[in-house]
Amino acid sequence: MAGMTGGRSRFVLTAVALGVFTLAGCDSLKEKGVGPGGTSLENYTAEQIFERGEYELSVQDAEEAALYFSEIERLYPYSDWAKRALIMQAFAHHQDKQYEEARSAAQRFIDFYPADDDAAYAQYLLALSYYDQIELVGRDQGLTFQALQALRTVIERYPDSEYARSSILKFDLAFDHLAGKEMEIGRYYLKRDHFGAAINRFRVVVEDFQTTSHTAEALHRLVESYLSLGLIEEAQTAAAILGHNYQSSDWYQDSYKLLKGQGLEPAFFSGNWLASSYRQSIKGQWL
């Protein structure tokens, strides 16, 4: 998803700009550590190997690039080139969709160089390695939780970095994704007349995911579920909250029609969990 931006420009493709590829003729690094004609990479400087890694990125061979960058880490572990190569290794692995390897390299950078300017980017790459694996809404959402945690770290630890805004946007999308999972399960139960189980899922959305795009539908589904169980006051209260916050939505119109069809109207009734949500929404203070 993300490319190299901002500060990354001082690393990526400098060799392309200079037209210098000392290793441009070397064979594939399929056998790690071996350069042109079987020559060991130990005969090359860290800068030369780094340039070759950049070249591989420029020709869209991220897997090979990652191998070159990892060789710098192995051969010149205490050099400044090793530090630069480590963040590039994380980037190359991410480009190659090798997400576990990307996370490992990014985490090593954070552990070894926590005060470095690129620590924020390493944390962002780590978060992306989870975020880019978020599956369709019907799948297990464990990676979504991990993405949220990693994105939150970027936002809280590096609030002034160039990656904070992007992390906030992705955090909101991942959060909405989790709400969508709850809705998908709730609808499944509702269609099969398992109203209690459906209510539990829709309640989670109303209480824990109220800032997402799914809240209006969740309230409408609560109206449907409560009416089906004959819990009239709960249905009317859910409709009242829906009307207060989303009166112009189709969901409210659908709920209003359901109630009118039974001679009812949206109304607030105390004594249930919805009453607390109702009072908070009136004050503009959602949970």
C-alpha atoms as a PDB file:
ATOM      1  CA  MET A   1       0.000   0.000   0.000  1.00  0.00           C
ATOM      2  CA  ALA A   2       2.539   2.574   1.130  1.00  0.00           C
ATOM      3  CA  GLY A   3       5.563   3.622  -0.840  1.00  0.00           C
ATOM      4  CA  MET A   4       8.734   5.266   0.312  1.00  0.00           C
ATOM      5  CA  THR A   5       7.928   8.886   1.030  1.00  0.00           C
ATOM      6  CA  GLY A   6       9.498  11.966   2.580  1.00  0.00           C
ATOM      7  CA  GLY A   7      12.782  11.026   4.223  1.00  0.00           C
ATOM      8  CA  ARG A   8      12.990   7.791   2.223  1.00  0.00           C
ATOM      9  CA  SER A   9      14.021   9.759  -0.876  1.00  0.00           C
ATOM     10  CA  ARG A  10      17.543  10.093   0.442  1.00  0.00           C
ATOM     11  CA  PHE A  11      17.852   6.304   0.421  1.00  0.00           C
ATOM     12  CA  VAL A  12      15.939   4.963  -2.558  1.00  0.00           C
ATOM     13  CA  LEU A  13      17.505   4.806  -5.989  1.00  0.00           C
ATOM     14  CA  THR A  14      20.441   7.104  -5.334  1.00  0.00           C
ATOM     15  CA  ALA A  15      22.437   4.697  -7.454  1.00  0.00           C
ATOM     16  CA  VAL A  16      19.949   5.071 -10.285  1.00  0.00           C
ATOM     17  CA  ALA A  17      20.344   8.815 -10.201  1.00  0.00           C
ATOM     18  CA  LEU A  18      24.124   8.491 -10.356  1.00  0.00           C
ATOM     19  CA  GLY A  19      24.043   5.761 -12.976  1.00  0.00           C
ATOM     20  CA  VAL A  20      26.494   3.783 -10.852  1.00  0.00           C
ATOM     21  CA  PHE A  21      25.971   0.060 -10.334  1.00  0.00           C
ATOM     22  CA  THR A  22      29.215  -1.557  -9.364  1.00  0.00           C
ATOM     23  CA  LEU A  23      27.383  -4.861  -8.988  1.00  0.00           C
ATOM     24  CA  ALA A  24      24.994  -4.400 -11.897  1.00  0.00           C
ATOM     25  CA  GLY A  25      26.416  -7.401 -13.691  1.00  0.00           C
ATOM     26  CA  CYS A  26      26.317  -9.751 -10.744  1.00  0.00           C
ATOM     27  CA  ASP A  27      24.279 -12.893 -10.734  1.00  0.00           C
ATOM     28  CA  SER A  28      21.236 -13.510  -8.597  1.00  0.00           C
ATOM     29  CA  LEU A  29      21.756 -13.759  -4.870  1.00  0.00           C
ATOM     30  CA  LYS A  30      19.853 -17.032  -4.753  1.00  0.00           C
ATOM     31  CA  GLU A  31      22.911 -18.406  -3.041  1.00  0.00           C
ATOM     32  CA  LYS A  32      23.294 -15.842  -0.332  1.00  0.00           C
ATOM     33  CA  GLY A  33      26.536 -13.974  -0.139  1.00  0.00           C
ATOM     34  CA  VAL A  34      27.709 -14.771  -3.668  1.00  0.00           C
ATOM     35  CA  GLY A  35      28.342 -12.034  -6.228  1.00  0.00           C
ATOM     36  CA  PRO A  36      29.506 -11.991  -9.878  1.00  0.00           C
ATOM     37  CA  GLY A  37      31.379 -15.057 -11.028  1.00  0.00           C
ATOM     38  CA  GLY A  38      30.940 -16.671  -7.643  1.00  0.00           C
ATOM     39  CA  THR A  39      32.864 -13.872  -5.933  1.00  0.00           C
ATOM     40  CA  SER A  40      31.982 -13.448  -2.283  1.00  0.00           C
ATOM     41  CA  LEU A  41      30.147 -10.264  -1.382  1.00  0.00           C
ATOM     42  CA  GLU A  42      32.733  -9.813   1.322  1.00  0.00           C
ATOM     43  CA  ASN A  43      34.917  -8.399  -1.467  1.00  0.00           C
ATOM     44  CA  TYR A  44      32.500  -5.507  -1.932  1.00  0.00           C
ATOM     45  CA  THR A  45      31.940  -2.489   0.236  1.00  0.00           C
ATOM     46  CA  ALA A  46      28.705  -1.942   2.139  1.00  0.00           C
ATOM     47  CA  GLU A  47      27.940   0.992  -0.139  1.00  0.00           C
ATOM     48  CA  GLN A  48      28.354  -1.137  -3.272  1.00  0.00           C
ATOM     49  CA  ILE A  49      26.018  -3.823  -1.930  1.00  0.00           C
ATOM     50  CA  PHE A  50      23.546  -1.160  -0.860  1.00  0.00           C
ATOM     51  CA  GLU A  51      23.551   0.301  -4.377  1.00  0.00           C
ATOM     52  CA  ARG A  52      22.843  -3.132  -5.800  1.00  0.00           C
ATOM     53  CA  GLY A  53      19.904  -3.499  -3.430  1.00  0.00           C
ATOM     54  CA  GLU A  54      18.536  -0.171  -4.637  1.00  0.00           C
ATOM     55  CA  TYR A  55      18.981  -1.297  -8.225  1.00  0.00           C
ATOM     56  CA  GLU A  56      16.947  -4.456  -7.563  1.00  0.00           C
ATOM     57  CA  LEU A  57      14.183  -2.285  -6.128  1.00  0.00           C
ATOM     58  CA  SER A  58      14.272  -0.109  -9.242  1.00  0.00           C
ATOM     59  CA  VAL A  59      13.669  -3.147 -11.455  1.00  0.00           C
ATOM     60  CA  GLN A  60      10.880  -4.399  -9.197  1.00  0.00           C
ATOM     61  CA  ASP A  61      12.770  -7.335  -7.711  1.00  0.00           C
ATOM     62  CA  ALA A  62      12.038  -6.651  -4.055  1.00  0.00           C
ATOM     63  CA  GLU A  63      12.908 -10.202  -2.986  1.00  0.00           C
ATOM     64  CA  GLU A  64      16.417  -9.902  -4.370  1.00  0.00           C
ATOM     65  CA  ALA A  65      16.786  -6.401  -2.949  1.00  0.00           C
ATOM     66  CA  ALA A  66      15.940  -7.658   0.529  1.00  0.00           C
ATOM     67  CA  LEU A  67      18.695 -10.270   0.233  1.00  0.00           C
ATOM     68  CA  TYR A  68      21.311  -7.647  -0.602  1.00  0.00           C
ATOM     69  CA  PHE A  69      20.224  -5.404   2.247  1.00  0.00           C
ATOM     70  CA  SER A  70      20.313  -8.350   4.640  1.00  0.00           C
ATOM     71  CA  GLU A  71      23.872  -9.123   3.539  1.00  0.00           C
ATOM     72  CA  ILE A  72      24.956  -5.645   4.615  1.00  0.00           C
ATOM     73  CA  GLU A  73      23.463  -6.308   8.033  1.00  0.00           C
ATOM     74  CA  ARG A  74      25.438  -9.564   8.184  1.00  0.00           C
ATOM     75  CA  LEU A  75      28.761  -8.347   6.777  1.00  0.00           C
ATOM     76  CA  TYR A  76      28.870  -4.834   8.228  1.00  0.00           C
ATOM     77  CA  PRO A  77      26.702  -5.103  11.364  1.00  0.00           C
ATOM     78  CA  TYR A  78      27.984  -2.006  13.163  1.00  0.00           C
ATOM     79  CA  SER A  79      28.174   0.376  10.242  1.00  0.00           C
ATOM     80  CA  ASP A  80      25.875   3.229   9.344  1.00  0.00           C
ATOM     81  CA  TRP A  81      25.162   1.316   6.142  1.00  0.00           C
ATOM     82  CA  ALA A  82      23.791  -1.571   8.213  1.00  0.00           C
ATOM     83  CA  LYS A  83      21.314   0.793   9.841  1.00  0.00           C
ATOM     84  CA  ARG A  84      20.235   2.187   6.465  1.00  0.00           C
ATOM     85  CA  ALA A  85      20.060  -1.297   4.979  1.00  0.00           C
ATOM     86  CA  LEU A  86      17.867  -2.573   7.810  1.00  0.00           C
ATOM     87  CA  ILE A  87      15.075  -0.072   7.172  1.00  0.00           C
ATOM     88  CA  MET A  88      15.402  -0.761   3.440  1.00  0.00           C
ATOM     89  CA  GLN A  89      15.233  -4.475   4.129  1.00  0.00           C
ATOM     90  CA  ALA A  90      11.923  -3.954   5.947  1.00  0.00           C
ATOM     91  CA  PHE A  91      10.641  -1.898   3.007  1.00  0.00           C
ATOM     92  CA  ALA A  92      11.748  -4.471   0.424  1.00  0.00           C
ATOM     93  CA  HIS A  93      10.110  -7.327   2.319  1.00  0.00           C
ATOM     94  CA  HIS A  94       6.905  -5.323   2.531  1.00  0.00           C
ATOM     95  CA  GLN A  95       7.002  -4.611  -1.189  1.00  0.00           C
ATOM     96  CA  ASP A  96       7.440  -8.343  -1.756  1.00  0.00           C
ATOM     97  CA  LYS A  97       4.429  -9.043   0.512  1.00  0.00           C
ATOM     98  CA  GLN A  98       6.664 -10.970   2.884  1.00  0.00           C
ATOM     99  CA  TYR A  99       4.897  -9.447   5.845  1.00  0.00           C
ATOM    100  CA  GLU A 100       6.408 -11.490   8.668  1.00  0.00           C
ATOM    101  CA  GLU A 101       9.903 -10.733   7.413  1.00  0.00           C
ATOM    102  CA  ALA A 102       8.995  -7.046   7.049  1.00  0.00           C
ATOM    103  CA  ARG A 103       7.780  -6.974  10.649  1.00  0.00           C
ATOM    104  CA  SER A 104      10.925  -8.698  11.866  1.00  0.00           C
ATOM    105  CA  ALA A 105      13.249  -6.231  10.128  1.00  0.00           C
ATOM    106  CA  ALA A 106      11.176  -3.226  11.188  1.00  0.00           C
ATOM    107  CA  GLN A 107      11.111  -4.422  14.802  1.00  0.00           C
ATOM    108  CA  ARG A 108      14.890  -4.924  14.805  1.00  0.00           C
ATOM    109  CA  PHE A 109      15.323  -1.368  13.587  1.00  0.00           C
ATOM    110  CA  ILE A 110      13.066  -0.075  16.370  1.00  0.00           C
ATOM    111  CA  ASP A 111      14.925  -2.165  18.961  1.00  0.00           C
ATOM    112  CA  PHE A 112      18.399  -1.172  17.776  1.00  0.00           C
ATOM    113  CA  TYR A 113      17.761   2.481  16.841  1.00  0.00           C
ATOM    114  CA  PRO A 114      14.773   3.711  18.896  1.00  0.00           C
ATOM    115  CA  ALA A 115      15.889   7.353  18.754  1.00  0.00           C
ATOM    116  CA  ASP A 116      16.676   7.396  15.036  1.00  0.00           C
ATOM    117  CA  ASP A 117      14.680   9.633  12.716  1.00  0.00           C
ATOM    118  CA  ASP A 118      13.550   6.554  10.811  1.00  0.00           C
ATOM    119  CA  ALA A 119      12.144   4.778  13.866  1.00  0.00           C
ATOM    120  CA  ALA A 120       8.756   6.318  13.076  1.00  0.00           C
ATOM    121  CA  TYR A 121       8.885   4.900   9.563  1.00  0.00           C
ATOM    122  CA  ALA A 122       9.918   1.489  10.893  1.00  0.00           C
ATOM    123  CA  GLN A 123       6.914   1.476  13.216  1.00  0.00           C
ATOM    124  CA  TYR A 124       4.687   2.572  10.342  1.00  0.00           C
ATOM    125  CA  LEU A 125       6.005  -0.275   8.168  1.00  0.00           C
ATOM    126  CA  LEU A 126       5.360  -2.689  11.002  1.00  0.00           C
ATOM    127  CA  ALA A 127       1.770  -1.453  11.238  1.00  0.00           C
ATOM    128  CA  LEU A 128       1.314  -1.692   7.465  1.00  0.00           C
ATOM    129  CA  SER A 129       2.517  -5.281   7.530  1.00  0.00           C
ATOM    130  CA  TYR A 130      -0.589  -6.079   9.585  1.00  0.00           C
ATOM    131  CA  TYR A 131      -2.927  -3.608   7.911  1.00  0.00           C
ATOM    132  CA  ASP A 132      -2.206  -4.866   4.396  1.00  0.00           C
ATOM    133  CA  GLN A 133      -3.179  -8.374   5.469  1.00  0.00           C
ATOM    134  CA  ILE A 134      -6.623  -7.471   6.773  1.00  0.00           C
ATOM    135  CA  GLU A 135      -8.924 -10.022   5.242  1.00  0.00           C
ATOM    136  CA  LEU A 136     -12.454  -9.728   3.953  1.00  0.00           C
ATOM    137  CA  VAL A 137     -15.019  -8.914   6.611  1.00  0.00           C
ATOM    138  CA  GLY A 138     -16.160 -12.542   6.871  1.00  0.00           C
ATOM    139  CA  ARG A 139     -12.720 -13.800   7.932  1.00  0.00           C
ATOM    140  CA  ASP A 140     -10.977 -13.908  11.301  1.00  0.00           C
ATOM    141  CA  GLN A 141     -10.085 -10.409  12.450  1.00  0.00           C
ATOM    142  CA  GLY A 142      -7.023 -11.095  14.590  1.00  0.00           C
ATOM    143  CA  LEU A 143      -4.777  -9.201  12.188  1.00  0.00           C
ATOM    144  CA  THR A 144      -7.146  -6.241  12.351  1.00  0.00           C
ATOM    145  CA  PHE A 145      -6.637  -6.003  16.110  1.00  0.00           C
ATOM    146  CA  GLN A 146      -2.868  -6.200  15.649  1.00  0.00           C
ATOM    147  CA  ALA A 147      -3.011  -3.525  12.949  1.00  0.00           C
ATOM    148  CA  LEU A 148      -4.980  -1.253  15.282  1.00  0.00           C
ATOM    149  CA  GLN A 149      -2.444  -1.705  18.064  1.00  0.00           C
ATOM    150  CA  ALA A 150       0.511  -1.016  15.777  1.00  0.00           C
ATOM    151  CA  LEU A 151      -1.154   2.003  14.173  1.00  0.00           C
ATOM    152  CA  ARG A 152      -2.003   3.382  17.607  1.00  0.00           C
ATOM    153  CA  THR A 153       1.687   3.138  18.501  1.00  0.00           C
ATOM    154  CA  VAL A 154       2.597   5.297  15.486  1.00  0.00           C
ATOM    155  CA  ILE A 155      -0.063   7.845  16.410  1.00  0.00           C
ATOM    156  CA  GLU A 156       0.856   8.038  20.092  1.00  0.00           C
ATOM    157  CA  ARG A 157       4.639   7.642  19.905  1.00  0.00           C
ATOM    158  CA  TYR A 158       5.229   9.746  16.791  1.00  0.00           C
ATOM    159  CA  PRO A 159       2.357  12.269  16.685  1.00  0.00           C
ATOM    160  CA  ASP A 160       4.380  14.862  14.785  1.00  0.00           C
ATOM    161  CA  SER A 161       5.767  12.481  12.180  1.00  0.00           C
ATOM    162  CA  GLU A 162       4.695  12.433   8.544  1.00  0.00           C
ATOM    163  CA  TYR A 163       3.158   9.004   9.172  1.00  0.00           C
ATOM    164  CA  ALA A 164       0.768   9.978  11.949  1.00  0.00           C
ATOM    165  CA  ARG A 165      -1.988  11.302   9.699  1.00  0.00           C
ATOM    166  CA  SER A 166      -1.919   8.256   7.445  1.00  0.00           C
ATOM    167  CA  SER A 167      -1.975   6.039  10.529  1.00  0.00           C
ATOM    168  CA  ILE A 168      -5.053   7.840  11.859  1.00  0.00           C
ATOM    169  CA  LEU A 169      -6.890   7.309   8.574  1.00  0.00           C
ATOM    170  CA  LYS A 170      -5.949   3.641   8.463  1.00  0.00           C
ATOM    171  CA  PHE A 171      -6.862   3.221  12.128  1.00  0.00           C
ATOM    172  CA  ASP A 172     -10.360   4.531  11.411  1.00  0.00           C
ATOM    173  CA  LEU A 173     -10.726   2.189   8.440  1.00  0.00           C
ATOM    174  CA  ALA A 174      -9.545  -0.825  10.443  1.00  0.00           C
ATOM    175  CA  PHE A 175     -11.867   0.135  13.309  1.00  0.00           C
ATOM    176  CA  ASP A 176     -14.758   0.340  10.851  1.00  0.00           C
ATOM    177  CA  HIS A 177     -13.723  -3.052   9.528  1.00  0.00           C
ATOM    178  CA  LEU A 178     -14.113  -4.611  12.985  1.00  0.00           C
ATOM    179  CA  ALA A 179     -17.571  -3.087  13.327  1.00  0.00           C
ATOM    180  CA  GLY A 180     -18.419  -4.561   9.955  1.00  0.00           C
ATOM    181  CA  LYS A 181     -17.455  -7.981  11.277  1.00  0.00           C
ATOM    182  CA  GLU A 182     -19.874  -7.597  14.198  1.00  0.00           C
ATOM    183  CA  MET A 183     -22.619  -6.509  11.815  1.00  0.00           C
ATOM    184  CA  GLU A 184     -21.988  -9.435   9.489  1.00  0.00           C
ATOM    185  CA  ILE A 185     -22.393 -11.902  12.356  1.00  0.00           C
ATOM    186  CA  GLY A 186     -25.398 -10.044  13.736  1.00  0.00           C
ATOM    187  CA  ARG A 187     -27.174 -10.178  10.383  1.00  0.00           C
ATOM    188  CA  TYR A 188     -26.422 -13.891  10.156  1.00  0.00           C
ATOM    189  CA  TYR A 189     -28.161 -14.498  13.477  1.00  0.00           C
ATOM    190  CA  LEU A 190     -31.032 -12.169  12.650  1.00  0.00           C
ATOM    191  CA  LYS A 191     -31.818 -13.961   9.388  1.00  0.00           C
ATOM    192  CA  ARG A 192     -32.040 -17.204  11.314  1.00  0.00           C
ATOM    193  CA  ASP A 193     -34.296 -15.721  14.002  1.00  0.00           C
ATOM    194  CA  HIS A 194     -31.632 -16.000  16.696  1.00  0.00           C
ATOM    195  CA  PHE A 195     -32.646 -12.622  18.029  1.00  0.00           C
ATOM    196  CA  GLY A 196     -30.808 -12.720  21.338  1.00  0.00           C
ATOM    197  CA  ALA A 197     -27.489 -13.521  19.675  1.00  0.00           C
ATOM    198  CA  ALA A 198     -28.141 -10.861  17.033  1.00  0.00           C
ATOM    199  CA  ILE A 199     -28.879  -8.230  19.697  1.00  0.00           C
ATOM    200  CA  ASN A 200     -25.583  -8.996  21.429  1.00  0.00           C
ATOM    201  CA  ARG A 201     -23.654  -8.242  18.211  1.00  0.00           C
ATOM    202  CA  PHE A 202     -25.556  -5.072  17.366  1.00  0.00           C
ATOM    203  CA  ARG A 203     -25.150  -3.871  20.934  1.00  0.00           C
ATOM    204  CA  VAL A 204     -21.364  -4.179  20.599  1.00  0.00           C
ATOM    205  CA  VAL A 205     -21.484  -1.874  17.574  1.00  0.00           C
ATOM    206  CA  VAL A 206     -23.642   0.707  19.362  1.00  0.00           C
ATOM    207  CA  GLU A 207     -21.554   0.688  22.526  1.00  0.00           C
ATOM    208  CA  ASP A 208     -18.024   0.098  21.249  1.00  0.00           C
ATOM    209  CA  PHE A 209     -18.018   1.181  17.594  1.00  0.00           C
ATOM    210  CA  GLN A 210     -20.407   4.113  17.634  1.00  0.00           C
ATOM    211  CA  THR A 211     -18.053   6.341  15.614  1.00  0.00           C
ATOM    212  CA  THR A 212     -18.110   3.968  12.637  1.00  0.00           C
ATOM    213  CA  SER A 213     -20.342   3.928   9.586  1.00  0.00           C
ATOM    214  CA  HIS A 214     -22.300   0.928  10.923  1.00  0.00           C
ATOM    215  CA  THR A 215     -24.015   2.504  13.925  1.00  0.00           C
ATOM    216  CA  ALA A 216     -27.218   3.582  12.166  1.00  0.00           C
ATOM    217  CA  GLU A 217     -27.815   0.130  10.754  1.00  0.00           C
ATOM    218  CA  ALA A 218     -27.021  -1.480  14.112  1.00  0.00           C
ATOM    219  CA  LEU A 219     -29.718   0.621  15.776  1.00  0.00           C
ATOM    220  CA  HIS A 220     -32.221  -0.295  13.079  1.00  0.00           C
ATOM    221  CA  ARG A 221     -31.394  -3.982  13.474  1.00  0.00           C
ATOM    222  CA  LEU A 222     -31.975  -3.617  17.195  1.00  0.00           C
ATOM    223  CA  VAL A 223     -35.425  -2.228  16.443  1.00  0.00           C
ATOM    224  CA  GLU A 224     -36.113  -5.256  14.247  1.00  0.00           C
ATOM    225  CA  SER A 225     -34.782  -7.716  16.815  1.00  0.00           C
ATOM    226  CA  TYR A 226     -36.587  -6.219  19.809  1.00  0.00           C
ATOM    227  CA  LEU A 227     -39.879  -6.024  17.932  1.00  0.00           C
ATOM    228  CA  SER A 228     -39.504  -9.675  16.963  1.00  0.00           C
ATOM    229  CA  LEU A 229     -39.071 -10.572  20.640  1.00  0.00           C
ATOM    230  CA  GLY A 230     -41.967  -8.366  21.715  1.00  0.00           C
ATOM    231  CA  LEU A 231     -39.673  -6.032  23.651  1.00  0.00           C
ATOM    232  CA  ILE A 232     -41.538  -2.894  22.635  1.00  0.00           C
ATOM    233  CA  GLU A 233     -39.905  -0.322  24.918  1.00  0.00           C
ATOM    234  CA  GLU A 234     -36.404  -1.377  23.871  1.00  0.00           C
ATOM    235  CA  ALA A 235     -37.418  -1.161  20.205  1.00  0.00           C
ATOM    236  CA  GLN A 236     -38.893   2.305  20.688  1.00  0.00           C
ATOM    237  CA  THR A 237     -35.796   3.488  22.567  1.00  0.00           C
ATOM    238  CA  ALA A 238     -33.452   2.186  19.862  1.00  0.00           C
ATOM    239  CA  ALA A 239     -35.559   4.026  17.278  1.00  0.00           C
ATOM    240  CA  ALA A 240     -35.436   7.209  19.367  1.00  0.00           C
ATOM    241  CA  ILE A 241     -31.632   7.110  19.438  1.00  0.00           C
ATOM    242  CA  LEU A 242     -31.583   6.399  15.718  1.00  0.00           C
ATOM    243  CA  GLY A 243     -33.916   9.315  15.045  1.00  0.00           C
ATOM    244  CA  HIS A 244     -31.892  11.712  17.167  1.00  0.00           C
ATOM    245  CA  ASN A 245     -28.600  10.911  15.446  1.00  0.00           C
ATOM    246  CA  TYR A 246     -29.569   9.753  11.965  1.00  0.00           C
ATOM    247  CA  GLN A 247     -33.046  11.147  11.292  1.00  0.00           C
ATOM    248  CA  SER A 248     -32.359  11.709   7.596  1.00  0.00           C
ATOM    249  CA  SER A 249     -31.054   8.193   7.048  1.00  0.00           C
ATOM    250  CA  ASP A 250     -32.911   5.387   5.324  1.00  0.00           C
ATOM    251  CA  TRP A 251     -32.332   3.264   8.406  1.00  0.00           C
ATOM    252  CA  TYR A 252     -34.422   5.625  10.503  1.00  0.00           C
ATOM    253  CA  GLN A 253     -37.156   5.688   7.887  1.00  0.00           C
ATOM    254  CA  ASP A 254     -37.225   1.875   7.899  1.00  0.00           C
ATOM    255  CA  SER A 255     -37.397   1.738  11.688  1.00  0.00           C
ATOM    256  CA  TYR A 256     -40.117   4.376  11.789  1.00  0.00           C
ATOM    257  CA  LYS A 257     -42.218   2.361   9.314  1.00  0.00           C
ATOM    258  CA  LEU A 258     -41.764  -0.797  11.369  1.00  0.00           C
ATOM    259  CA  LEU A 259     -43.000   0.937  14.505  1.00  0.00           C
ATOM    260  CA  LYS A 260     -45.882   2.691  12.753  1.00  0.00           C
ATOM    261  CA  GLY A 261     -46.925  -0.660  11.338  1.00  0.00           C
ATOM    262  CA  GLN A 262     -47.565  -1.775  14.903  1.00  0.00           C
ATOM    263  CA  GLY A 263     -49.143   1.482  16.000  1.00  0.00           C
ATOM    264  CA  LEU A 264     -45.967   2.641  17.760  1.00  0.00           C
ATOM    265  CA  GLU A 265     -43.578   5.595  17.585  1.00  0.00           C
ATOM    266  CA  PRO A 266     -39.965   6.161  18.631  1.00  0.00           C
ATOM    267  CA  ALA A 267     -39.852   7.004  22.338  1.00  0.00           C
ATOM    268  CA  PHE A 268     -37.379   6.951  25.178  1.00  0.00           C
ATOM    269  CA  PHE A 269     -37.855   4.511  28.051  1.00  0.00           C
ATOM    270  CA  SER A 270     -35.461   4.223  30.987  1.00  0.00           C
ATOM    271  CA  GLY A 271     -34.417   1.018  32.675  1.00  0.00           C
ATOM    272  CA  ASN A 272     -32.417  -0.640  29.875  1.00  0.00           C
ATOM    273  CA  TRP A 273     -28.912  -0.414  28.453  1.00  0.00           C
ATOM    274  CA  LEU A 274     -30.144   1.752  25.589  1.00  0.00           C
ATOM    275  CA  ALA A 275     -31.216   4.465  28.039  1.00  0.00           C
ATOM    276  CA  SER A 276     -27.589   5.196  28.884  1.00  0.00           C
ATOM    277  CA  SER A 277     -26.677   5.446  25.204  1.00  0.00           C
ATOM    278  CA  TYR A 278     -29.702   7.677  24.626  1.00  0.00           C
ATOM    279  CA  ARG A 279     -28.682  10.143  27.329  1.00  0.00           C
ATOM    280  CA  GLN A 280     -25.117  10.248  26.044  1.00  0.00           C
ATOM    281  CA  SER A 281     -26.215  10.863  22.471  1.00  0.00           C
ATOM    282  CA  ILE A 282     -28.503  13.713  23.582  1.00  0.00           C
ATOM    283  CA  LYS A 283     -25.488  15.304  25.256  1.00  0.00           C
ATOM    284  CA  GLY A 284     -23.294  14.569  22.270  1.00  0.00           C
ATOM    285  CA  GLN A 285     -21.108  12.353  24.432  1.00  0.00           C
ATOM    286  CA  TRP A 286     -20.942   8.889  22.937  1.00  0.00           C
ATOM    287  CA  LEU A 287     -19.148   6.163  24.843  1.00  0.00           C
END
